[in-house]
Amino acid sequence: MDIKQLKAVVTVAEVGSVTHAAELLHLVQPAVTRQIRTLERELGVALFERTRQGMRPTEAGAIVVGHARRALNELERARAEVRPSPGVVTGIVTVGLLESATDLLAEPLVSAIARDHPGVELRLMTAYSGHLQQWLDNGDLDLSLLYNLDSTTSLNARPLVRENLWVVAPPPAGLRADCPVTFAQAAGHPLILPASGHALRTLIDGAAVRAESAMDIAVQTNSMGVQKQLVMAGHGWTILPGVGIARDVADGRLSAAPLCEPEVWRSIVLGTPRAGRTPPAVEVVAQALAGQIDSAVRAGRWPSARPQTPGTAAQKT
């Protein structure tokens, strides 16, 4: 098993075509086919099957592709980190950002790293907390924002901020930051909520139980953007973290108010792997991300957020 074979397998899996993969790898098509077949003979399993949609990894192929992609990423990171640059931090850092916080943090983080550590290459991944934690556990991320998580045997969780959930409605509803809305009031409207199993939905379901309020769920979705679009279109109200709707409220696309009776808080932490050495590039990016969050909270750009210290409760009833 060599690097050329790994690149061939990953590229074919990503583009679904040997011909296209050969073009991207600057090889002739028979060479790519030969690399894959040689690896299949070595492993004793088929890695791809041909379908009408193109080349699709088999179950064994998907396993090999996942490990191959991580191996190639590690080699690329090693090259970047050891590149001779005296006194300069270099390397590739893959960061996980919560979807709700992307608008607030992505561009400032990129600007800060470009200014202070131009030798560091950032790769930003956005998703819900559960997906980000899985990617962090799998080694696909170097650090990630997560929520309502304590340190585990595999991850360190550094508390950063805690924030109140907000009730979100179309502008004509006239919700305001200085007039909290009870859960019972919110539940009196059709609700557009995250799908069951999502961590935010778990918080909302718990609040419904404490408020003894039945919910009229109009739509469930795994996209915060879809939640907001449907609210703007008048299909119902929703409940979201304040950081995810601050810009929409400021621009008049939505109205929102803090949730009360009960108040519900989520805790944002910075997750990093416990095992292995932490490269200097990862350390400087972690510091920069924590600094951007602290700056946003203190400047009031993160609605109803408070700096968090270890041991602070993530949820208040």
Protein backbone atom coordinates (compact mmCIF):
# COMPACT_ATOMS: atom_id res chain seq x y z
CA MET A 1 0.00 0.00 0.00
CA ASP A 2 1.62 3.28 -1.11
CA ILE A 3 0.71 6.94 -1.31
CA LYS A 4 -0.19 6.79 -5.02
CA GLN A 5 -2.68 4.01 -4.35
CA LEU A 6 -4.21 5.93 -1.45
CA LYS A 7 -4.57 9.07 -3.57
CA ALA A 8 -6.19 7.06 -6.36
CA VAL A 9 -8.72 5.43 -4.04
CA VAL A 10 -9.67 8.70 -2.33
CA THR A 11 -9.95 10.67 -5.57
CA VAL A 12 -12.10 8.06 -7.33
CA ALA A 13 -14.37 7.90 -4.27
CA GLU A 14 -14.74 11.68 -4.24
CA VAL A 15 -15.47 12.20 -7.95
CA GLY A 16 -17.10 8.84 -8.75
CA SER A 17 -15.15 8.36 -11.96
CA VAL A 18 -11.79 6.84 -12.86
CA THR A 19 -11.55 9.12 -15.91
CA HIS A 20 -12.15 12.29 -13.90
CA ALA A 21 -9.84 11.08 -11.11
CA ALA A 22 -7.07 10.49 -13.67
CA GLU A 23 -7.44 14.08 -14.91
CA LEU A 24 -7.19 15.46 -11.37
CA LEU A 25 -4.17 13.28 -10.56
CA HIS A 26 -2.49 14.09 -13.91
CA LEU A 27 -2.31 10.40 -14.81
CA VAL A 28 -3.64 8.26 -17.62
CA GLN A 29 -6.79 6.29 -16.85
CA PRO A 30 -5.13 2.82 -17.00
CA ALA A 31 -2.63 3.91 -14.34
CA VAL A 32 -5.40 4.81 -11.89
CA THR A 33 -7.24 1.58 -12.63
CA ARG A 34 -4.02 -0.39 -12.10
CA GLN A 35 -3.35 1.28 -8.71
CA ILE A 36 -6.84 0.43 -7.46
CA ARG A 37 -6.72 -3.16 -8.72
CA THR A 38 -3.27 -3.69 -7.16
CA LEU A 39 -4.59 -2.49 -3.80
CA GLU A 40 -7.69 -4.69 -4.13
CA ARG A 41 -5.49 -7.74 -4.76
CA GLU A 42 -3.32 -6.85 -1.77
CA LEU A 43 -6.33 -6.49 0.52
CA GLY A 44 -8.32 -9.35 -1.00
CA VAL A 45 -11.53 -7.32 -1.30
CA ALA A 46 -13.30 -5.22 -3.93
CA LEU A 47 -13.11 -1.50 -3.13
CA PHE A 48 -15.54 -0.17 -5.77
CA GLU A 49 -18.61 -1.24 -7.68
CA ARG A 50 -19.81 0.26 -10.95
CA THR A 51 -23.28 1.82 -10.92
CA ARG A 52 -25.22 4.05 -13.31
CA GLN A 53 -24.10 6.98 -11.18
CA GLY A 54 -20.43 6.00 -11.46
CA MET A 55 -17.89 4.28 -9.24
CA ARG A 56 -19.22 3.77 -5.71
CA PRO A 57 -17.14 2.44 -2.78
CA THR A 58 -18.15 -0.94 -1.41
CA GLU A 59 -18.52 -1.32 2.35
CA ALA A 60 -14.85 -2.33 2.56
CA GLY A 61 -13.97 0.49 0.16
CA ALA A 62 -15.63 3.10 2.38
CA ILE A 63 -13.52 1.92 5.32
CA VAL A 64 -10.31 2.12 3.28
CA VAL A 65 -11.25 5.55 1.89
CA GLY A 66 -11.82 6.94 5.38
CA HIS A 67 -8.47 5.74 6.68
CA ALA A 68 -6.67 6.73 3.47
CA ARG A 69 -8.06 10.26 3.60
CA ARG A 70 -6.88 10.69 7.20
CA ALA A 71 -3.45 9.26 6.36
CA LEU A 72 -3.01 11.65 3.44
CA ASN A 73 -4.17 14.59 5.57
CA GLU A 74 -1.63 13.69 8.25
CA LEU A 75 1.18 13.52 5.68
CA GLU A 76 0.15 16.90 4.27
CA ARG A 77 0.08 18.38 7.76
CA ALA A 78 3.51 16.94 8.54
CA ARG A 79 4.97 18.54 5.42
CA ALA A 80 3.47 21.91 6.35
CA GLU A 81 4.62 21.72 9.96
CA VAL A 82 8.25 20.79 9.29
CA ARG A 83 8.71 23.21 6.41
CA PRO A 84 11.75 25.30 7.43
CA SER A 85 10.46 28.64 8.74
CA PRO A 86 12.51 29.74 11.78
CA GLY A 87 10.37 31.46 14.40
CA VAL A 88 7.18 31.04 12.36
CA VAL A 89 4.30 28.73 13.32
CA THR A 90 3.27 26.68 10.31
CA GLY A 91 0.84 23.85 9.67
CA ILE A 92 -2.67 22.90 8.64
CA VAL A 93 -5.44 23.14 11.23
CA THR A 94 -8.96 21.80 10.69
CA VAL A 95 -11.51 23.59 12.87
CA GLY A 96 -15.11 22.63 13.59
CA LEU A 97 -17.59 25.49 13.98
CA LEU A 98 -21.17 25.17 15.16
CA GLU A 99 -23.52 26.14 12.35
CA SER A 100 -25.21 28.71 14.58
CA ALA A 101 -21.92 30.52 15.29
CA THR A 102 -20.42 30.49 11.79
CA ASP A 103 -21.58 33.97 10.74
CA LEU A 104 -20.15 35.51 13.90
CA LEU A 105 -16.82 33.68 14.08
CA ALA A 106 -15.62 32.37 10.70
CA GLU A 107 -14.41 35.56 9.03
CA PRO A 108 -12.87 37.13 12.18
CA LEU A 109 -10.99 33.89 12.91
CA VAL A 110 -9.64 33.69 9.36
CA SER A 111 -8.58 37.36 9.51
CA ALA A 112 -6.85 36.94 12.88
CA ILE A 113 -4.87 33.89 11.73
CA ALA A 114 -3.92 35.50 8.42
CA ARG A 115 -2.66 38.57 10.30
CA ASP A 116 -0.84 36.89 13.19
CA HIS A 117 0.12 33.47 11.80
CA PRO A 118 0.28 33.56 7.99
CA GLY A 119 2.07 30.20 7.96
CA VAL A 120 -1.03 28.44 9.28
CA GLU A 121 -3.57 27.11 6.78
CA LEU A 122 -7.13 26.93 8.14
CA ARG A 123 -9.75 24.43 7.10
CA LEU A 124 -13.20 25.24 8.47
CA MET A 125 -15.92 22.63 8.83
CA THR A 126 -19.45 23.53 9.97
CA ALA A 127 -22.10 21.18 11.34
CA TYR A 128 -24.23 20.44 14.36
CA SER A 129 -22.50 19.55 17.61
CA GLY A 130 -23.10 15.80 17.36
CA HIS A 131 -21.48 15.57 13.93
CA LEU A 132 -18.56 17.74 15.00
CA GLN A 133 -17.92 15.57 18.05
CA GLN A 134 -17.89 12.45 15.89
CA TRP A 135 -15.43 14.04 13.45
CA LEU A 136 -13.24 15.12 16.37
CA ASP A 137 -13.29 11.59 17.80
CA ASN A 138 -12.42 10.18 14.35
CA GLY A 139 -9.44 12.49 13.98
CA ASP A 140 -10.94 14.52 11.13
CA LEU A 141 -10.83 17.73 13.21
CA ASP A 142 -8.02 19.20 15.32
CA LEU A 143 -10.36 21.24 17.52
CA SER A 144 -14.05 22.06 17.51
CA LEU A 145 -16.73 24.08 19.19
CA LEU A 146 -19.24 21.77 20.87
CA TYR A 147 -22.00 22.29 23.38
CA ASN A 148 -23.23 20.81 26.62
CA LEU A 149 -20.21 18.54 26.81
CA ASP A 150 -17.89 17.74 29.71
CA SER A 151 -14.37 16.41 29.26
CA THR A 152 -14.29 12.71 28.35
CA THR A 153 -11.61 10.04 28.23
CA SER A 154 -10.85 11.05 24.63
CA LEU A 155 -11.61 14.80 24.62
CA ASN A 156 -10.73 17.87 26.64
CA ALA A 157 -13.63 20.34 26.88
CA ARG A 158 -12.70 23.93 27.74
CA PRO A 159 -15.75 26.01 28.77
CA LEU A 160 -16.01 29.26 26.79
CA VAL A 161 -19.50 30.75 26.91
CA ARG A 162 -23.08 30.00 27.87
CA GLU A 163 -26.09 31.46 26.12
CA ASN A 164 -29.86 31.61 26.47
CA LEU A 165 -32.16 30.13 23.82
CA TRP A 166 -34.48 32.57 22.05
CA VAL A 167 -37.99 32.37 20.66
CA VAL A 168 -37.92 33.42 16.99
CA ALA A 169 -40.87 34.66 14.94
CA PRO A 170 -41.64 36.67 11.77
CA PRO A 171 -41.18 40.45 12.14
CA PRO A 172 -44.94 41.21 12.47
CA ALA A 173 -44.94 39.25 15.76
CA GLY A 174 -42.93 42.11 17.24
CA LEU A 175 -40.82 40.03 19.63
CA ARG A 176 -38.22 42.12 21.48
CA ALA A 177 -35.05 41.44 23.41
CA ASP A 178 -36.40 43.25 26.49
CA CYS A 179 -39.64 41.22 26.64
CA PRO A 180 -38.95 37.50 27.27
CA VAL A 181 -41.49 35.01 25.93
CA THR A 182 -42.62 32.02 27.97
CA PHE A 183 -42.39 28.54 26.57
CA ALA A 184 -46.16 28.21 26.85
CA GLN A 185 -46.60 31.30 24.69
CA ALA A 186 -44.19 29.96 22.08
CA ALA A 187 -45.91 26.56 22.10
CA GLY A 188 -49.17 28.28 21.26
CA HIS A 189 -47.87 28.65 17.70
CA PRO A 190 -46.89 26.00 15.14
CA LEU A 191 -43.22 25.24 15.76
CA ILE A 192 -40.42 24.59 13.28
CA LEU A 193 -37.84 22.58 15.21
CA PRO A 194 -34.61 20.63 14.79
CA ALA A 195 -35.18 16.95 14.06
CA SER A 196 -35.48 14.52 16.95
CA GLY A 197 -32.10 13.41 18.25
CA HIS A 198 -30.46 16.77 17.66
CA ALA A 199 -28.90 18.16 20.85
CA LEU A 200 -30.81 21.45 20.57
CA ARG A 201 -34.06 19.53 20.16
CA THR A 202 -33.26 17.63 23.36
CA LEU A 203 -33.04 20.94 25.23
CA ILE A 204 -36.34 22.11 23.73
CA ASP A 205 -38.11 18.84 24.55
CA GLY A 206 -36.88 19.11 28.14
CA ALA A 207 -38.20 22.66 28.39
CA ALA A 208 -41.60 21.49 27.11
CA VAL A 209 -41.77 18.90 29.87
CA ARG A 210 -40.86 21.43 32.56
CA ALA A 211 -43.36 23.94 31.20
CA GLU A 212 -46.01 21.20 30.92
CA SER A 213 -46.75 22.49 27.42
CA ALA A 214 -47.66 20.38 24.41
CA MET A 215 -45.96 21.43 21.18
CA ASP A 216 -47.63 21.75 17.77
CA ILE A 217 -44.67 20.75 15.59
CA ALA A 218 -45.28 21.88 12.02
CA VAL A 219 -41.91 20.93 10.49
CA GLN A 220 -38.72 19.21 11.62
CA THR A 221 -35.42 19.86 9.85
CA ASN A 222 -31.70 19.30 10.30
CA SER A 223 -30.84 22.77 8.94
CA MET A 224 -30.87 25.97 10.97
CA GLY A 225 -31.05 27.89 7.70
CA VAL A 226 -34.23 26.06 6.74
CA GLN A 227 -35.71 26.77 10.19
CA LYS A 228 -35.15 30.49 9.70
CA GLN A 229 -36.43 30.49 6.10
CA LEU A 230 -39.67 28.80 7.12
CA VAL A 231 -40.19 31.25 9.97
CA MET A 232 -39.59 34.19 7.63
CA ALA A 233 -42.17 32.69 5.26
CA GLY A 234 -44.75 32.58 8.06
CA HIS A 235 -44.97 28.82 8.60
CA GLY A 236 -44.48 29.09 12.36
CA TRP A 237 -42.13 30.08 15.18
CA THR A 238 -38.93 28.41 16.30
CA ILE A 239 -36.41 28.31 19.16
CA LEU A 240 -32.73 28.94 18.44
CA PRO A 241 -29.53 30.17 20.09
CA GLY A 242 -29.26 33.95 20.02
CA VAL A 243 -25.98 33.87 18.11
CA GLY A 244 -27.72 32.12 15.20
CA ILE A 245 -30.30 34.87 14.63
CA ALA A 246 -28.57 38.09 15.73
CA ARG A 247 -27.87 39.31 12.19
CA ASP A 248 -31.36 38.39 10.95
CA VAL A 249 -32.96 40.33 13.80
CA ALA A 250 -30.69 43.35 13.25
CA ASP A 251 -31.60 43.35 9.54
CA GLY A 252 -35.33 43.08 10.29
CA ARG A 253 -35.84 39.65 8.74
CA LEU A 254 -36.88 38.09 12.06
CA SER A 255 -38.03 39.17 15.51
CA ALA A 256 -36.86 37.38 18.64
CA ALA A 257 -37.06 37.37 22.43
CA PRO A 258 -35.28 35.39 25.16
CA LEU A 259 -37.07 32.21 26.21
CA CYS A 260 -38.33 32.11 29.80
CA GLU A 261 -40.41 29.90 32.11
CA PRO A 262 -38.20 27.98 31.83
CA GLU A 263 -35.01 29.70 30.77
CA VAL A 264 -32.85 27.30 28.78
CA TRP A 265 -29.11 27.73 28.41
CA ARG A 266 -26.53 25.92 26.35
CA SER A 267 -22.84 25.75 27.16
CA ILE A 268 -20.27 26.23 24.38
CA VAL A 269 -16.96 24.45 24.89
CA LEU A 270 -13.78 24.08 22.88
CA GLY A 271 -13.10 20.39 22.33
CA THR A 272 -9.61 19.05 21.63
CA PRO A 273 -8.28 15.47 21.59
CA ARG A 274 -6.56 14.23 24.73
CA ALA A 275 -4.26 11.79 22.96
CA GLY A 276 -1.08 12.68 21.10
CA ARG A 277 0.97 15.81 20.73
CA THR A 278 -0.73 19.15 20.13
CA PRO A 279 1.06 20.92 17.26
CA PRO A 280 1.91 24.61 17.78
CA ALA A 281 -0.41 25.55 14.89
CA VAL A 282 -3.37 23.95 16.67
CA GLU A 283 -2.47 25.77 19.90
CA VAL A 284 -2.40 29.21 18.27
CA VAL A 285 -5.69 28.59 16.45
CA ALA A 286 -7.34 27.44 19.69
CA GLN A 287 -6.16 30.62 21.42
CA ALA A 288 -7.37 32.77 18.54
CA LEU A 289 -10.80 31.13 18.48
CA ALA A 290 -11.26 31.52 22.24
CA GLY A 291 -10.17 35.14 21.91
CA GLN A 292 -12.68 35.84 19.14
CA ILE A 293 -15.48 34.38 21.25
CA ASP A 294 -14.48 36.39 24.32
CA SER A 295 -14.32 39.56 22.21
CA ALA A 296 -17.76 38.91 20.68
CA VAL A 297 -19.35 38.31 24.09
CA ARG A 298 -17.80 41.40 25.71
CA ALA A 299 -18.73 43.60 22.74
CA GLY A 300 -22.36 42.45 22.90
CA ARG A 301 -22.33 40.80 19.47
CA TRP A 302 -23.39 37.44 21.00
CA PRO A 303 -26.92 37.96 22.37
CA SER A 304 -27.58 36.90 26.00
CA ALA A 305 -24.20 35.20 26.26
CA ARG A 306 -21.97 35.11 29.31
CA PRO A 307 -18.35 34.02 29.69
CA GLN A 308 -18.30 30.55 31.22
CA THR A 309 -16.02 29.13 33.86
CA PRO A 310 -15.53 25.43 34.70
CA GLY A 311 -18.38 24.06 36.75
CA THR A 312 -20.99 26.58 35.53
CA ALA A 313 -24.30 24.85 34.85
CA ALA A 314 -25.13 24.58 31.18
CA GLN A 315 -28.86 24.78 31.70
CA LYS A 316 -30.97 26.78 34.14
CA THR A 317 -34.59 26.09 34.92
